[in-house]
Amino acid sequence: MKKIIVIPVKSPEYKKLRVAEYYRVSTLSLVQKRSLDWQIKSYTKMISEQPLDFCQCIL
């Protein structure tokens, strides 16, 4: 009789994608500051909800 060898399948290892945030405004006006605050808040939230490795925030 033939001998059958079963080789178990290894699950692939998934590495988290590394991301960095980059924000930019054109002036230092109050409206631009609010825009910058909104960008930081919304994109940080979006990144934290995904399986991503957050590296840094660049202003």
PDB file of N, CA and C in Angstrom:
ATOM      1  N   MET A   1       0.825  -1.183   0.000  1.00  0.00           N
ATOM      2  CA  MET A   1       0.000   0.000   0.000  1.00  0.00           C
ATOM      3  C   MET A   1       0.875   1.254   0.000  1.00  0.00           C
ATOM      4  N   LYS A   2       0.421   2.281  -0.705  1.00  0.00           N
ATOM      5  CA  LYS A   2       1.186   3.522  -0.779  1.00  0.00           C
ATOM      6  C   LYS A   2       1.030   4.301   0.509  1.00  0.00           C
ATOM      7  N   LYS A   3       2.096   4.981   0.873  1.00  0.00           N
ATOM      8  CA  LYS A   3       2.073   5.806   2.079  1.00  0.00           C
ATOM      9  C   LYS A   3       1.787   7.253   1.677  1.00  0.00           C
ATOM     10  N   ILE A   4       0.823   7.859   2.325  1.00  0.00           N
ATOM     11  CA  ILE A   4       0.454   9.250   2.043  1.00  0.00           C
ATOM     12  C   ILE A   4       0.954  10.129   3.176  1.00  0.00           C
ATOM     13  N   ILE A   5       1.668  11.169   2.807  1.00  0.00           N
ATOM     14  CA  ILE A   5       2.161  12.126   3.798  1.00  0.00           C
ATOM     15  C   ILE A   5       1.363  13.415   3.634  1.00  0.00           C
ATOM     16  N   VAL A   6       0.748  13.861   4.706  1.00  0.00           N
ATOM     17  CA  VAL A   6      -0.031  15.098   4.687  1.00  0.00           C
ATOM     18  C   VAL A   6       0.855  16.230   5.195  1.00  0.00           C
ATOM     19  N   ILE A   7       1.016  17.245   4.373  1.00  0.00           N
ATOM     20  CA  ILE A   7       1.809  18.415   4.760  1.00  0.00           C
ATOM     21  C   ILE A   7       0.831  19.538   5.080  1.00  0.00           C
ATOM     22  N   PRO A   8       0.813  19.997   6.340  1.00  0.00           N
ATOM     23  CA  PRO A   8      -0.136  21.058   6.709  1.00  0.00           C
ATOM     24  C   PRO A   8       0.200  22.382   6.011  1.00  0.00           C
ATOM     25  N   VAL A   9      -0.839  23.093   5.665  1.00  0.00           N
ATOM     26  CA  VAL A   9      -0.681  24.388   5.006  1.00  0.00           C
ATOM     27  C   VAL A   9      -0.407  25.451   6.059  1.00  0.00           C
ATOM     28  N   LYS A  10       0.609  26.243   5.813  1.00  0.00           N
ATOM     29  CA  LYS A  10       0.917  27.339   6.734  1.00  0.00           C
ATOM     30  C   LYS A  10       0.074  28.545   6.363  1.00  0.00           C
ATOM     31  N   SER A  11      -0.471  29.189   7.364  1.00  0.00           N
ATOM     32  CA  SER A  11      -1.229  30.418   7.121  1.00  0.00           C
ATOM     33  C   SER A  11      -0.252  31.523   6.745  1.00  0.00           C
ATOM     34  N   PRO A  12      -0.591  32.292   5.737  1.00  0.00           N
ATOM     35  CA  PRO A  12       0.326  33.386   5.365  1.00  0.00           C
ATOM     36  C   PRO A  12       0.370  34.449   6.458  1.00  0.00           C
ATOM     37  N   GLU A  13       1.549  34.963   6.672  1.00  0.00           N
ATOM     38  CA  GLU A  13       1.695  36.031   7.663  1.00  0.00           C
ATOM     39  C   GLU A  13       1.440  37.364   6.976  1.00  0.00           C
ATOM     40  N   TYR A  14       0.542  38.115   7.541  1.00  0.00           N
ATOM     41  CA  TYR A  14       0.239  39.427   6.989  1.00  0.00           C
ATOM     42  C   TYR A  14       0.942  40.490   7.816  1.00  0.00           C
ATOM     43  N   LYS A  15       1.701  41.302   7.146  1.00  0.00           N
ATOM     44  CA  LYS A  15       2.346  42.412   7.830  1.00  0.00           C
ATOM     45  C   LYS A  15       1.449  43.628   7.704  1.00  0.00           C
ATOM     46  N   LYS A  16       1.382  44.383   8.770  1.00  0.00           N
ATOM     47  CA  LYS A  16       0.596  45.609   8.723  1.00  0.00           C
ATOM     48  C   LYS A  16       1.275  46.617   7.804  1.00  0.00           C
ATOM     49  N   LEU A  17       0.472  47.309   7.052  1.00  0.00           N
ATOM     50  CA  LEU A  17       0.978  48.360   6.185  1.00  0.00           C
ATOM     51  C   LEU A  17       1.346  49.561   7.047  1.00  0.00           C
ATOM     52  N   ARG A  18       2.557  50.070   6.873  1.00  0.00           N
ATOM     53  CA  ARG A  18       2.995  51.233   7.640  1.00  0.00           C
ATOM     54  C   ARG A  18       2.546  52.496   6.930  1.00  0.00           C
ATOM     55  N   VAL A  19       1.965  53.400   7.688  1.00  0.00           N
ATOM     56  CA  VAL A  19       1.475  54.652   7.109  1.00  0.00           C
ATOM     57  C   VAL A  19       1.948  55.839   7.937  1.00  0.00           C
ATOM     58  N   ALA A  20       2.037  56.968   7.280  1.00  0.00           N
ATOM     59  CA  ALA A  20       2.348  58.235   7.947  1.00  0.00           C
ATOM     60  C   ALA A  20       1.304  59.249   7.499  1.00  0.00           C
ATOM     61  N   GLU A  21       0.996  60.171   8.364  1.00  0.00           N
ATOM     62  CA  GLU A  21       0.044  61.227   8.033  1.00  0.00           C
ATOM     63  C   GLU A  21       0.817  62.475   7.627  1.00  0.00           C
ATOM     64  N   TYR A  22       0.319  63.147   6.612  1.00  0.00           N
ATOM     65  CA  TYR A  22       0.927  64.395   6.155  1.00  0.00           C
ATOM     66  C   TYR A  22      -0.182  65.426   6.019  1.00  0.00           C
ATOM     67  N   TYR A  23      -0.024  66.542   6.690  1.00  0.00           N
ATOM     68  CA  TYR A  23      -1.034  67.599   6.664  1.00  0.00           C
ATOM     69  C   TYR A  23      -0.402  68.879   6.159  1.00  0.00           C
ATOM     70  N   ARG A  24      -1.247  69.681   5.510  1.00  0.00           N
ATOM     71  CA  ARG A  24      -0.711  70.919   4.958  1.00  0.00           C
ATOM     72  C   ARG A  24      -1.804  71.977   4.892  1.00  0.00           C
ATOM     73  N   VAL A  25      -1.428  73.185   5.235  1.00  0.00           N
ATOM     74  CA  VAL A  25      -2.287  74.352   5.033  1.00  0.00           C
ATOM     75  C   VAL A  25      -1.428  75.429   4.385  1.00  0.00           C
ATOM     76  N   SER A  26      -2.082  76.339   3.673  1.00  0.00           N
ATOM     77  CA  SER A  26      -1.319  77.333   2.917  1.00  0.00           C
ATOM     78  C   SER A  26      -1.013  78.603   3.703  1.00  0.00           C
ATOM     79  N   THR A  27      -1.816  78.901   4.731  1.00  0.00           N
ATOM     80  CA  THR A  27      -1.579  80.106   5.533  1.00  0.00           C
ATOM     81  C   THR A  27      -1.737  79.766   7.005  1.00  0.00           C
ATOM     82  N   LEU A  28      -1.478  80.729   7.844  1.00  0.00           N
ATOM     83  CA  LEU A  28      -1.631  80.516   9.282  1.00  0.00           C
ATOM     84  C   LEU A  28      -2.916  81.145   9.821  1.00  0.00           C
ATOM     85  N   SER A  29      -3.889  81.361   8.955  1.00  0.00           N
ATOM     86  CA  SER A  29      -5.139  81.992   9.390  1.00  0.00           C
ATOM     87  C   SER A  29      -5.945  81.035  10.270  1.00  0.00           C
ATOM     88  N   LEU A  30      -6.927  81.575  10.966  1.00  0.00           N
ATOM     89  CA  LEU A  30      -7.771  80.783  11.857  1.00  0.00           C
ATOM     90  C   LEU A  30      -8.527  79.702  11.082  1.00  0.00           C
ATOM     91  N   VAL A  31      -8.997  80.041   9.899  1.00  0.00           N
ATOM     92  CA  VAL A  31      -9.719  79.065   9.070  1.00  0.00           C
ATOM     93  C   VAL A  31      -8.798  77.896   8.710  1.00  0.00           C
ATOM     94  N   GLN A  32      -7.568  78.212   8.383  1.00  0.00           N
ATOM     95  CA  GLN A  32      -6.606  77.170   8.041  1.00  0.00           C
ATOM     96  C   GLN A  32      -6.273  76.310   9.261  1.00  0.00           C
ATOM     97  N   LYS A  33      -6.200  76.939  10.440  1.00  0.00           N
ATOM     98  CA  LYS A  33      -5.943  76.173  11.661  1.00  0.00           C
ATOM     99  C   LYS A  33      -7.063  75.184  11.911  1.00  0.00           C
ATOM    100  N   ARG A  34      -8.299  75.619  11.712  1.00  0.00           N
ATOM    101  CA  ARG A  34      -9.440  74.708  11.884  1.00  0.00           C
ATOM    102  C   ARG A  34      -9.365  73.565  10.874  1.00  0.00           C
ATOM    103  N   SER A  35      -8.966  73.897   9.659  1.00  0.00           N
ATOM    104  CA  SER A  35      -8.821  72.870   8.629  1.00  0.00           C
ATOM    105  C   SER A  35      -7.756  71.856   9.031  1.00  0.00           C
ATOM    106  N   LEU A  36      -6.656  72.347   9.554  1.00  0.00           N
ATOM    107  CA  LEU A  36      -5.583  71.469  10.006  1.00  0.00           C
ATOM    108  C   LEU A  36      -6.057  70.582  11.147  1.00  0.00           C
ATOM    109  N   ASP A  37      -6.759  71.164  12.116  1.00  0.00           N
ATOM    110  CA  ASP A  37      -7.297  70.384  13.232  1.00  0.00           C
ATOM    111  C   ASP A  37      -8.241  69.295  12.731  1.00  0.00           C
ATOM    112  N   TRP A  38      -9.095  69.644  11.762  1.00  0.00           N
ATOM    113  CA  TRP A  38     -10.040  68.679  11.206  1.00  0.00           C
ATOM    114  C   TRP A  38      -9.298  67.551  10.493  1.00  0.00           C
ATOM    115  N   GLN A  39      -8.270  67.899   9.728  1.00  0.00           N
ATOM    116  CA  GLN A  39      -7.498  66.884   9.006  1.00  0.00           C
ATOM    117  C   GLN A  39      -6.858  65.899   9.981  1.00  0.00           C
ATOM    118  N   ILE A  40      -6.219  66.426  11.007  1.00  0.00           N
ATOM    119  CA  ILE A  40      -5.549  65.568  11.983  1.00  0.00           C
ATOM    120  C   ILE A  40      -6.554  64.643  12.656  1.00  0.00           C
ATOM    121  N   LYS A  41      -7.651  65.204  13.105  1.00  0.00           N
ATOM    122  CA  LYS A  41      -8.669  64.426  13.814  1.00  0.00           C
ATOM    123  C   LYS A  41      -9.277  63.334  12.928  1.00  0.00           C
ATOM    124  N   SER A  42      -9.692  63.702  11.735  1.00  0.00           N
ATOM    125  CA  SER A  42     -10.396  62.743  10.884  1.00  0.00           C
ATOM    126  C   SER A  42      -9.472  61.650  10.338  1.00  0.00           C
ATOM    127  N   TYR A  43      -8.283  62.011   9.899  1.00  0.00           N
ATOM    128  CA  TYR A  43      -7.395  61.000   9.341  1.00  0.00           C
ATOM    129  C   TYR A  43      -6.791  60.104  10.419  1.00  0.00           C
ATOM    130  N   THR A  44      -6.527  60.640  11.594  1.00  0.00           N
ATOM    131  CA  THR A  44      -6.048  59.803  12.688  1.00  0.00           C
ATOM    132  C   THR A  44      -7.108  58.777  13.057  1.00  0.00           C
ATOM    133  N   LYS A  45      -8.355  59.200  13.101  1.00  0.00           N
ATOM    134  CA  LYS A  45      -9.464  58.284  13.396  1.00  0.00           C
ATOM    135  C   LYS A  45      -9.571  57.213  12.308  1.00  0.00           C
ATOM    136  N   MET A  46      -9.499  57.627  11.052  1.00  0.00           N
ATOM    137  CA  MET A  46      -9.618  56.690   9.940  1.00  0.00           C
ATOM    138  C   MET A  46      -8.504  55.638   9.983  1.00  0.00           C
ATOM    139  N   ILE A  47      -7.290  56.069  10.250  1.00  0.00           N
ATOM    140  CA  ILE A  47      -6.157  55.146  10.300  1.00  0.00           C
ATOM    141  C   ILE A  47      -6.279  54.200  11.488  1.00  0.00           C
ATOM    142  N   SER A  48      -6.728  54.711  12.633  1.00  0.00           N
ATOM    143  CA  SER A  48      -6.831  53.868  13.824  1.00  0.00           C
ATOM    144  C   SER A  48      -7.903  52.792  13.681  1.00  0.00           C
ATOM    145  N   GLU A  49      -8.857  52.981  12.781  1.00  0.00           N
ATOM    146  CA  GLU A  49      -9.924  51.999  12.568  1.00  0.00           C
ATOM    147  C   GLU A  49      -9.518  50.897  11.586  1.00  0.00           C
ATOM    148  N   GLN A  50      -8.352  51.002  11.002  1.00  0.00           N
ATOM    149  CA  GLN A  50      -7.874  50.024  10.025  1.00  0.00           C
ATOM    150  C   GLN A  50      -6.696  49.250  10.619  1.00  0.00           C
ATOM    151  N   PRO A  51      -6.409  48.070  10.075  1.00  0.00           N
ATOM    152  CA  PRO A  51      -5.251  47.311  10.562  1.00  0.00           C
ATOM    153  C   PRO A  51      -3.949  47.851   9.964  1.00  0.00           C
ATOM    154  N   LEU A  52      -3.606  49.066  10.357  1.00  0.00           N
ATOM    155  CA  LEU A  52      -2.421  49.736   9.837  1.00  0.00           C
ATOM    156  C   LEU A  52      -1.451  50.032  10.967  1.00  0.00           C
ATOM    157  N   ASP A  53      -0.189  50.113  10.643  1.00  0.00           N
ATOM    158  CA  ASP A  53       0.843  50.466  11.611  1.00  0.00           C
ATOM    159  C   ASP A  53       1.159  51.950  11.421  1.00  0.00           C
ATOM    160  N   PHE A  54       0.693  52.772  12.350  1.00  0.00           N
ATOM    161  CA  PHE A  54       0.869  54.220  12.258  1.00  0.00           C
ATOM    162  C   PHE A  54       2.290  54.590  12.639  1.00  0.00           C
ATOM    163  N   CYS A  55       3.009  55.222  11.724  1.00  0.00           N
ATOM    164  CA  CYS A  55       4.416  55.577  11.947  1.00  0.00           C
ATOM    165  C   CYS A  55       4.580  56.958  12.555  1.00  0.00           C
ATOM    166  N   GLN A  56       4.065  57.957  11.868  1.00  0.00           N
ATOM    167  CA  GLN A  56       4.247  59.314  12.362  1.00  0.00           C
ATOM    168  C   GLN A  56       3.298  60.275  11.678  1.00  0.00           C
ATOM    169  N   CYS A  57       3.231  61.434  12.260  1.00  0.00           N
ATOM    170  CA  CYS A  57       2.399  62.513  11.737  1.00  0.00           C
ATOM    171  C   CYS A  57       3.336  63.637  11.307  1.00  0.00           C
ATOM    172  N   ILE A  58       3.193  64.102  10.069  1.00  0.00           N
ATOM    173  CA  ILE A  58       4.063  65.143   9.531  1.00  0.00           C
ATOM    174  C   ILE A  58       3.232  66.390   9.279  1.00  0.00           C
ATOM    175  N   LEU A  59       3.641  67.490   9.871  1.00  0.00           N
ATOM    176  CA  LEU A  59       2.930  68.753   9.672  1.00  0.00           C
ATOM    177  C   LEU A  59       3.728  69.665   8.777  1.00  0.00           C
TER     178      LEU A  59
END
